[in-house]
Amino acid sequence: HKSPWLVAAFVAECVGLLCRGVLSVAPELFSSTPVLSSVWT
């Protein structure tokens, strides 16, 4: 369907995956940088 809505959804999910990776690899960074939690949400 080549919808820009789907591109937006995919990019957002990539950002969420990146946040999940930071949480897994460096949980102390996640807890010391509250903006990451907001970005994930």
All heavy atoms as atom14 arrays in JSON, in Angstrom:
{
  "sequence": "HKSPWLVAAFVAECVGLLCRGVLSVAPELFSSTPVLSSVWT",
  "atom14_mask": [
    [1, 1, 1, 1, 1, 1, 1, 1, 1, 1, 0, 0, 0, 0],
    [1, 1, 1, 1, 1, 1, 1, 1, 1, 0, 0, 0, 0, 0],
    [1, 1, 1, 1, 1, 1, 0, 0, 0, 0, 0, 0, 0, 0],
    [1, 1, 1, 1, 1, 1, 1, 0, 0, 0, 0, 0, 0, 0],
    [1, 1, 1, 1, 1, 1, 1, 1, 1, 1, 1, 1, 1, 1],
    [1, 1, 1, 1, 1, 1, 1, 1, 0, 0, 0, 0, 0, 0],
    [1, 1, 1, 1, 1, 1, 1, 0, 0, 0, 0, 0, 0, 0],
    [1, 1, 1, 1, 1, 0, 0, 0, 0, 0, 0, 0, 0, 0],
    [1, 1, 1, 1, 1, 0, 0, 0, 0, 0, 0, 0, 0, 0],
    [1, 1, 1, 1, 1, 1, 1, 1, 1, 1, 1, 0, 0, 0],
    [1, 1, 1, 1, 1, 1, 1, 0, 0, 0, 0, 0, 0, 0],
    [1, 1, 1, 1, 1, 0, 0, 0, 0, 0, 0, 0, 0, 0],
    [1, 1, 1, 1, 1, 1, 1, 1, 1, 0, 0, 0, 0, 0],
    [1, 1, 1, 1, 1, 1, 0, 0, 0, 0, 0, 0, 0, 0],
    [1, 1, 1, 1, 1, 1, 1, 0, 0, 0, 0, 0, 0, 0],
    [1, 1, 1, 1, 0, 0, 0, 0, 0, 0, 0, 0, 0, 0],
    [1, 1, 1, 1, 1, 1, 1, 1, 0, 0, 0, 0, 0, 0],
    [1, 1, 1, 1, 1, 1, 1, 1, 0, 0, 0, 0, 0, 0],
    [1, 1, 1, 1, 1, 1, 0, 0, 0, 0, 0, 0, 0, 0],
    [1, 1, 1, 1, 1, 1, 1, 1, 1, 1, 1, 0, 0, 0],
    [1, 1, 1, 1, 0, 0, 0, 0, 0, 0, 0, 0, 0, 0],
    [1, 1, 1, 1, 1, 1, 1, 0, 0, 0, 0, 0, 0, 0],
    [1, 1, 1, 1, 1, 1, 1, 1, 0, 0, 0, 0, 0, 0],
    [1, 1, 1, 1, 1, 1, 0, 0, 0, 0, 0, 0, 0, 0],
    [1, 1, 1, 1, 1, 1, 1, 0, 0, 0, 0, 0, 0, 0],
    [1, 1, 1, 1, 1, 0, 0, 0, 0, 0, 0, 0, 0, 0],
    [1, 1, 1, 1, 1, 1, 1, 0, 0, 0, 0, 0, 0, 0],
    [1, 1, 1, 1, 1, 1, 1, 1, 1, 0, 0, 0, 0, 0],
    [1, 1, 1, 1, 1, 1, 1, 1, 0, 0, 0, 0, 0, 0],
    [1, 1, 1, 1, 1, 1, 1, 1, 1, 1, 1, 0, 0, 0],
    [1, 1, 1, 1, 1, 1, 0, 0, 0, 0, 0, 0, 0, 0],
    [1, 1, 1, 1, 1, 1, 0, 0, 0, 0, 0, 0, 0, 0],
    [1, 1, 1, 1, 1, 1, 1, 0, 0, 0, 0, 0, 0, 0],
    [1, 1, 1, 1, 1, 1, 1, 0, 0, 0, 0, 0, 0, 0],
    [1, 1, 1, 1, 1, 1, 1, 0, 0, 0, 0, 0, 0, 0],
    [1, 1, 1, 1, 1, 1, 1, 1, 0, 0, 0, 0, 0, 0],
    [1, 1, 1, 1, 1, 1, 0, 0, 0, 0, 0, 0, 0, 0],
    [1, 1, 1, 1, 1, 1, 0, 0, 0, 0, 0, 0, 0, 0],
    [1, 1, 1, 1, 1, 1, 1, 0, 0, 0, 0, 0, 0, 0],
    [1, 1, 1, 1, 1, 1, 1, 1, 1, 1, 1, 1, 1, 1],
    [1, 1, 1, 1, 1, 1, 1, 0, 0, 0, 0, 0, 0, 0]
  ],
  "atom14_positions": [
    [[0.78, -1.24, 0.0], [0.0, 0.0, 0.0], [0.81, 1.29, 0.0], [0.26, 2.35, -0.27], [-0.97, 0.01, 1.19], [-1.94, -1.11, 1.14], [-3.02, -1.12, 0.29], [-1.98, -2.28, 1.81], [-3.69, -2.25, 0.44], [-3.08, -2.97, 1.36], [0.0, 0.0, 0.0], [0.0, 0.0, 0.0], [0.0, 0.0, 0.0], [0.0, 0.0, 0.0]],
    [[2.1, 1.25, 0.33], [2.99, 2.42, 0.3], [2.41, 3.65, 1.02], [2.55, 4.78, 0.57], [3.32, 2.82, -1.14], [3.86, 1.72, -2.0], [5.27, 1.36, -1.63], [5.87, 0.49, -2.72], [6.42, -0.73, -2.29], [0.0, 0.0, 0.0], [0.0, 0.0, 0.0], [0.0, 0.0, 0.0], [0.0, 0.0, 0.0], [0.0, 0.0, 0.0]],
    [[1.78, 3.45, 2.13], [1.19, 4.55, 2.89], [2.23, 5.22, 3.79], [3.0, 4.54, 4.48], [0.05, 4.02, 3.77], [-0.4, 5.02, 4.66], [0.0, 0.0, 0.0], [0.0, 0.0, 0.0], [0.0, 0.0, 0.0], [0.0, 0.0, 0.0], [0.0, 0.0, 0.0], [0.0, 0.0, 0.0], [0.0, 0.0, 0.0], [0.0, 0.0, 0.0]],
    [[2.25, 6.55, 3.83], [3.15, 7.24, 4.74], [2.83, 6.95, 6.21], [3.7, 7.05, 7.08], [2.96, 8.72, 4.41], [1.73, 8.81, 3.61], [1.48, 7.47, 3.0], [0.0, 0.0, 0.0], [0.0, 0.0, 0.0], [0.0, 0.0, 0.0], [0.0, 0.0, 0.0], [0.0, 0.0, 0.0], [0.0, 0.0, 0.0], [0.0, 0.0, 0.0]],
    [[1.6, 6.59, 6.5], [1.23, 6.22, 7.86], [2.0, 4.98, 8.3], [2.41, 4.88, 9.46], [-0.27, 5.95, 7.97], [-1.11, 7.17, 7.86], [-1.88, 7.54, 6.79], [-1.26, 8.2, 8.84], [-2.49, 8.72, 7.06], [-2.14, 9.16, 8.31], [-0.73, 8.4, 10.11], [-2.51, 10.29, 9.01], [-1.1, 9.53, 10.81], [-1.97, 10.46, 10.26]],
    [[2.19, 4.06, 7.39], [2.93, 2.85, 7.72], [4.42, 3.14, 7.91], [5.07, 2.54, 8.76], [2.73, 1.78, 6.64], [1.31, 1.23, 6.56], [1.16, 0.34, 5.33], [0.95, 0.48, 7.82], [0.0, 0.0, 0.0], [0.0, 0.0, 0.0], [0.0, 0.0, 0.0], [0.0, 0.0, 0.0], [0.0, 0.0, 0.0], [0.0, 0.0, 0.0]],
    [[4.94, 4.08, 7.15], [6.34, 4.49, 7.34], [6.51, 5.1, 8.73], [7.46, 4.79, 9.44], [6.78, 5.49, 6.24], [8.17, 6.03, 6.53], [6.73, 4.83, 4.87], [0.0, 0.0, 0.0], [0.0, 0.0, 0.0], [0.0, 0.0, 0.0], [0.0, 0.0, 0.0], [0.0, 0.0, 0.0], [0.0, 0.0, 0.0], [0.0, 0.0, 0.0]],
    [[5.55, 5.95, 9.11], [5.6, 6.56, 10.44], [5.54, 5.5, 11.54], [6.29, 5.56, 12.52], [4.46, 7.56, 10.61], [0.0, 0.0, 0.0], [0.0, 0.0, 0.0], [0.0, 0.0, 0.0], [0.0, 0.0, 0.0], [0.0, 0.0, 0.0], [0.0, 0.0, 0.0], [0.0, 0.0, 0.0], [0.0, 0.0, 0.0], [0.0, 0.0, 0.0]],
    [[4.67, 4.52, 11.36], [4.54, 3.44, 12.35], [5.84, 2.64, 12.44], [6.3, 2.3, 13.53], [3.37, 2.52, 11.99], [0.0, 0.0, 0.0], [0.0, 0.0, 0.0], [0.0, 0.0, 0.0], [0.0, 0.0, 0.0], [0.0, 0.0, 0.0], [0.0, 0.0, 0.0], [0.0, 0.0, 0.0], [0.0, 0.0, 0.0], [0.0, 0.0, 0.0]],
    [[6.45, 2.36, 11.3], [7.69, 1.59, 11.29], [8.83, 2.35, 11.97], [9.56, 1.79, 12.78], [8.07, 1.22, 9.85], [9.32, 0.4, 9.77], [9.27, -0.95, 10.06], [10.53, 0.96, 9.41], [10.43, -1.73, 10.0], [11.69, 0.21, 9.34], [11.64, -1.15, 9.65], [0.0, 0.0, 0.0], [0.0, 0.0, 0.0], [0.0, 0.0, 0.0]],
    [[8.97, 3.62, 11.65], [10.03, 4.43, 12.26], [9.81, 4.5, 13.77], [10.76, 4.37, 14.55], [10.08, 5.84, 11.63], [10.97, 6.77, 12.42], [10.55, 5.74, 10.19], [0.0, 0.0, 0.0], [0.0, 0.0, 0.0], [0.0, 0.0, 0.0], [0.0, 0.0, 0.0], [0.0, 0.0, 0.0], [0.0, 0.0, 0.0], [0.0, 0.0, 0.0]],
    [[8.58, 4.7, 14.19], [8.28, 4.76, 15.62], [8.62, 3.45, 16.31], [9.17, 3.44, 17.42], [6.8, 5.1, 15.84], [0.0, 0.0, 0.0], [0.0, 0.0, 0.0], [0.0, 0.0, 0.0], [0.0, 0.0, 0.0], [0.0, 0.0, 0.0], [0.0, 0.0, 0.0], [0.0, 0.0, 0.0], [0.0, 0.0, 0.0], [0.0, 0.0, 0.0]],
    [[8.34, 2.34, 15.67], [8.66, 1.04, 16.26], [10.17, 0.82, 16.32], [10.68, 0.21, 17.25], [7.97, -0.09, 15.49], [7.9, -1.38, 16.23], [7.13, -1.32, 17.55], [6.32, -0.4, 17.76], [7.36, -2.21, 18.38], [0.0, 0.0, 0.0], [0.0, 0.0, 0.0], [0.0, 0.0, 0.0], [0.0, 0.0, 0.0], [0.0, 0.0, 0.0]],
    [[10.89, 1.34, 15.34], [12.36, 1.28, 15.38], [12.9, 2.06, 16.57], [13.83, 1.61, 17.26], [12.96, 1.81, 14.08], [12.75, 0.72, 12.67], [0.0, 0.0, 0.0], [0.0, 0.0, 0.0], [0.0, 0.0, 0.0], [0.0, 0.0, 0.0], [0.0, 0.0, 0.0], [0.0, 0.0, 0.0], [0.0, 0.0, 0.0], [0.0, 0.0, 0.0]],
    [[12.33, 3.22, 16.83], [12.75, 4.02, 17.99], [12.44, 3.25, 19.28], [13.27, 3.21, 20.19], [12.05, 5.4, 17.99], [12.3, 6.15, 19.3], [12.52, 6.23, 16.8], [0.0, 0.0, 0.0], [0.0, 0.0, 0.0], [0.0, 0.0, 0.0], [0.0, 0.0, 0.0], [0.0, 0.0, 0.0], [0.0, 0.0, 0.0], [0.0, 0.0, 0.0]],
    [[11.28, 2.63, 19.34], [10.93, 1.81, 20.5], [11.9, 0.65, 20.69], [12.3, 0.33, 21.82], [0.0, 0.0, 0.0], [0.0, 0.0, 0.0], [0.0, 0.0, 0.0], [0.0, 0.0, 0.0], [0.0, 0.0, 0.0], [0.0, 0.0, 0.0], [0.0, 0.0, 0.0], [0.0, 0.0, 0.0], [0.0, 0.0, 0.0], [0.0, 0.0, 0.0]],
    [[12.29, 0.04, 19.59], [13.25, -1.07, 19.66], [14.61, -0.58, 20.15], [15.27, -1.24, 20.95], [13.39, -1.73, 18.29], [14.28, -2.96, 18.19], [13.76, -4.07, 19.09], [14.35, -3.44, 16.75], [0.0, 0.0, 0.0], [0.0, 0.0, 0.0], [0.0, 0.0, 0.0], [0.0, 0.0, 0.0], [0.0, 0.0, 0.0], [0.0, 0.0, 0.0]],
    [[15.0, 0.6, 19.71], [16.25, 1.19, 20.17], [16.2, 1.46, 21.68], [17.15, 1.17, 22.4], [16.53, 2.49, 19.4], [17.83, 3.2, 19.73], [19.03, 2.34, 19.35], [17.88, 4.53, 18.99], [0.0, 0.0, 0.0], [0.0, 0.0, 0.0], [0.0, 0.0, 0.0], [0.0, 0.0, 0.0], [0.0, 0.0, 0.0], [0.0, 0.0, 0.0]],
    [[15.08, 1.98, 22.16], [14.91, 2.22, 23.6], [14.97, 0.9, 24.37], [15.6, 0.82, 25.43], [13.59, 2.92, 23.88], [13.56, 4.65, 23.35], [0.0, 0.0, 0.0], [0.0, 0.0, 0.0], [0.0, 0.0, 0.0], [0.0, 0.0, 0.0], [0.0, 0.0, 0.0], [0.0, 0.0, 0.0], [0.0, 0.0, 0.0], [0.0, 0.0, 0.0]],
    [[14.35, -0.13, 23.84], [14.39, -1.44, 24.48], [15.82, -1.97, 24.53], [16.25, -2.56, 25.52], [13.5, -2.43, 23.71], [13.37, -3.79, 24.34], [12.46, -4.69, 23.53], [11.25, -4.08, 23.05], [10.15, -3.89, 23.8], [10.15, -4.25, 25.04], [9.08, -3.34, 23.28], [0.0, 0.0, 0.0], [0.0, 0.0, 0.0], [0.0, 0.0, 0.0]],
    [[16.58, -1.72, 23.48], [17.97, -2.14, 23.46], [18.8, -1.42, 24.51], [19.62, -2.02, 25.19], [0.0, 0.0, 0.0], [0.0, 0.0, 0.0], [0.0, 0.0, 0.0], [0.0, 0.0, 0.0], [0.0, 0.0, 0.0], [0.0, 0.0, 0.0], [0.0, 0.0, 0.0], [0.0, 0.0, 0.0], [0.0, 0.0, 0.0], [0.0, 0.0, 0.0]],
    [[18.57, -0.11, 24.64], [19.28, 0.65, 25.67], [18.94, 0.11, 27.05], [19.82, -0.05, 27.9], [18.95, 2.17, 25.58], [19.47, 2.92, 26.78], [19.52, 2.76, 24.29], [0.0, 0.0, 0.0], [0.0, 0.0, 0.0], [0.0, 0.0, 0.0], [0.0, 0.0, 0.0], [0.0, 0.0, 0.0], [0.0, 0.0, 0.0], [0.0, 0.0, 0.0]],
    [[17.67, -0.19, 27.26], [17.25, -0.74, 28.55], [17.92, -2.08, 28.83], [18.32, -2.36, 29.96], [15.73, -0.9, 28.6], [15.14, -1.46, 29.89], [15.44, -0.54, 31.07], [13.65, -1.66, 29.74], [0.0, 0.0, 0.0], [0.0, 0.0, 0.0], [0.0, 0.0, 0.0], [0.0, 0.0, 0.0], [0.0, 0.0, 0.0], [0.0, 0.0, 0.0]],
    [[18.07, -2.89, 27.82], [18.69, -4.21, 27.99], [20.19, -4.12, 28.2], [20.75, -4.83, 29.03], [18.41, -5.09, 26.77], [17.05, -5.32, 26.63], [0.0, 0.0, 0.0], [0.0, 0.0, 0.0], [0.0, 0.0, 0.0], [0.0, 0.0, 0.0], [0.0, 0.0, 0.0], [0.0, 0.0, 0.0], [0.0, 0.0, 0.0], [0.0, 0.0, 0.0]],
    [[20.85, -3.25, 27.44], [22.3, -3.18, 27.46], [22.81, -2.28, 28.6], [23.79, -2.62, 29.26], [22.84, -2.67, 26.11], [24.33, -2.43, 26.16], [22.49, -3.64, 25.01], [0.0, 0.0, 0.0], [0.0, 0.0, 0.0], [0.0, 0.0, 0.0], [0.0, 0.0, 0.0], [0.0, 0.0, 0.0], [0.0, 0.0, 0.0], [0.0, 0.0, 0.0]],
    [[22.15, -1.18, 28.81], [22.62, -0.21, 29.81], [21.45, 0.3, 30.65], [21.02, 1.46, 30.51], [23.33, 0.94, 29.13], [0.0, 0.0, 0.0], [0.0, 0.0, 0.0], [0.0, 0.0, 0.0], [0.0, 0.0, 0.0], [0.0, 0.0, 0.0], [0.0, 0.0, 0.0], [0.0, 0.0, 0.0], [0.0, 0.0, 0.0], [0.0, 0.0, 0.0]],
    [[20.9, -0.54, 31.52], [19.74, -0.12, 32.31], [20.02, 1.1, 33.2], [19.12, 1.89, 33.46], [19.39, -1.34, 33.15], [20.53, -2.26, 33.04], [21.29, -1.89, 31.82], [0.0, 0.0, 0.0], [0.0, 0.0, 0.0], [0.0, 0.0, 0.0], [0.0, 0.0, 0.0], [0.0, 0.0, 0.0], [0.0, 0.0, 0.0], [0.0, 0.0, 0.0]],
    [[21.28, 1.26, 33.61], [21.62, 2.42, 34.44], [21.47, 3.71, 33.65], [21.05, 4.74, 34.19], [23.02, 2.3, 35.04], [24.16, 2.32, 34.04], [24.39, 1.04, 33.27], [23.86, -0.02, 33.66], [25.1, 1.09, 32.25], [0.0, 0.0, 0.0], [0.0, 0.0, 0.0], [0.0, 0.0, 0.0], [0.0, 0.0, 0.0], [0.0, 0.0, 0.0]],
    [[21.77, 3.69, 32.36], [21.58, 4.86, 31.51], [20.11, 5.19, 31.39], [19.71, 6.35, 31.42], [22.2, 4.62, 30.12], [22.04, 5.75, 29.1], [22.75, 7.01, 29.58], [22.54, 5.32, 27.75], [0.0, 0.0, 0.0], [0.0, 0.0, 0.0], [0.0, 0.0, 0.0], [0.0, 0.0, 0.0], [0.0, 0.0, 0.0], [0.0, 0.0, 0.0]],
    [[19.3, 4.16, 31.27], [17.86, 4.35, 31.14], [17.29, 4.97, 32.41], [16.45, 5.87, 32.34], [17.19, 2.99, 30.86], [15.91, 3.13, 30.09], [15.93, 3.17, 28.7], [14.69, 3.2, 30.73], [14.76, 3.29, 27.98], [13.51, 3.33, 30.02], [13.55, 3.38, 28.65], [0.0, 0.0, 0.0], [0.0, 0.0, 0.0], [0.0, 0.0, 0.0]],
    [[17.75, 4.52, 33.57], [17.23, 5.07, 34.83], [17.79, 6.45, 35.14], [17.15, 7.25, 35.81], [17.49, 4.11, 35.98], [18.88, 3.92, 36.16], [0.0, 0.0, 0.0], [0.0, 0.0, 0.0], [0.0, 0.0, 0.0], [0.0, 0.0, 0.0], [0.0, 0.0, 0.0], [0.0, 0.0, 0.0], [0.0, 0.0, 0.0], [0.0, 0.0, 0.0]],
    [[18.99, 6.75, 34.65], [19.58, 8.06, 34.92], [19.16, 9.12, 33.91], [19.42, 10.31, 34.1], [21.11, 7.96, 34.96], [21.61, 7.68, 33.67], [0.0, 0.0, 0.0], [0.0, 0.0, 0.0], [0.0, 0.0, 0.0], [0.0, 0.0, 0.0], [0.0, 0.0, 0.0], [0.0, 0.0, 0.0], [0.0, 0.0, 0.0], [0.0, 0.0, 0.0]],
    [[18.52, 8.7, 32.84], [18.07, 9.64, 31.8], [16.56, 9.45, 31.61], [16.12, 8.68, 30.75], [18.81, 9.38, 30.47], [20.2, 9.25, 30.73], [18.58, 10.48, 29.48], [0.0, 0.0, 0.0], [0.0, 0.0, 0.0], [0.0, 0.0, 0.0], [0.0, 0.0, 0.0], [0.0, 0.0, 0.0], [0.0, 0.0, 0.0], [0.0, 0.0, 0.0]],
    [[15.76, 10.16, 32.41], [14.31, 9.95, 32.36], [13.68, 10.26, 31.0], [12.61, 9.75, 30.68], [13.75, 10.86, 33.44], [14.88, 11.63, 33.99], [16.15, 11.13, 33.41], [0.0, 0.0, 0.0], [0.0, 0.0, 0.0], [0.0, 0.0, 0.0], [0.0, 0.0, 0.0], [0.0, 0.0, 0.0], [0.0, 0.0, 0.0], [0.0, 0.0, 0.0]],
    [[14.35, 11.06, 30.18], [13.79, 11.39, 28.88], [13.67, 10.15, 27.99], [12.79, 10.07, 27.12], [14.6, 12.52, 28.19], [15.93, 12.01, 27.69], [13.81, 13.15, 27.07], [0.0, 0.0, 0.0], [0.0, 0.0, 0.0], [0.0, 0.0, 0.0], [0.0, 0.0, 0.0], [0.0, 0.0, 0.0], [0.0, 0.0, 0.0], [0.0, 0.0, 0.0]],
    [[14.53, 9.16, 28.21], [14.45, 7.93, 27.42], [13.11, 7.21, 27.63], [12.53, 6.68, 26.69], [15.6, 6.99, 27.75], [16.96, 7.39, 27.21], [18.04, 6.44, 27.7], [16.95, 7.45, 25.7], [0.0, 0.0, 0.0], [0.0, 0.0, 0.0], [0.0, 0.0, 0.0], [0.0, 0.0, 0.0], [0.0, 0.0, 0.0], [0.0, 0.0, 0.0]],
    [[12.64, 7.23, 28.85], [11.35, 6.61, 29.14], [10.23, 7.34, 28.41], [9.3, 6.72, 27.87], [11.1, 6.62, 30.65], [9.87, 6.05, 30.95], [0.0, 0.0, 0.0], [0.0, 0.0, 0.0], [0.0, 0.0, 0.0], [0.0, 0.0, 0.0], [0.0, 0.0, 0.0], [0.0, 0.0, 0.0], [0.0, 0.0, 0.0], [0.0, 0.0, 0.0]],
    [[10.32, 8.67, 28.38], [9.32, 9.46, 27.66], [9.39, 9.19, 26.16], [8.36, 9.09, 25.49], [9.53, 10.95, 27.93], [9.35, 11.22, 29.29], [0.0, 0.0, 0.0], [0.0, 0.0, 0.0], [0.0, 0.0, 0.0], [0.0, 0.0, 0.0], [0.0, 0.0, 0.0], [0.0, 0.0, 0.0], [0.0, 0.0, 0.0], [0.0, 0.0, 0.0]],
    [[10.6, 9.09, 25.63], [10.77, 8.81, 24.2], [10.16, 7.46, 23.86], [9.48, 7.3, 22.84], [12.27, 8.86, 23.81], [12.5, 8.27, 22.43], [12.78, 10.28, 23.88], [0.0, 0.0, 0.0], [0.0, 0.0, 0.0], [0.0, 0.0, 0.0], [0.0, 0.0, 0.0], [0.0, 0.0, 0.0], [0.0, 0.0, 0.0], [0.0, 0.0, 0.0]],
    [[10.37, 6.47, 24.74], [9.82, 5.14, 24.51], [8.29, 5.18, 24.48], [7.65, 4.61, 23.6], [10.32, 4.19, 25.59], [10.17, 2.73, 25.27], [9.62, 2.16, 24.17], [10.59, 1.65, 26.08], [9.68, 0.8, 24.24], [10.27, 0.46, 25.42], [11.21, 1.57, 27.32], [10.53, -0.8, 25.94], [11.48, 0.32, 27.84], [11.15, -0.85, 27.15]],
    [[7.71, 5.88, 25.45], [6.26, 6.0, 25.5], [5.72, 6.74, 24.27], [4.72, 6.33, 23.67], [5.83, 6.73, 26.78], [6.31, 5.99, 27.91], [4.32, 6.87, 26.88], [0.0, 0.0, 0.0], [0.0, 0.0, 0.0], [0.0, 0.0, 0.0], [0.0, 0.0, 0.0], [0.0, 0.0, 0.0], [0.0, 0.0, 0.0], [0.0, 0.0, 0.0]]
  ]
}
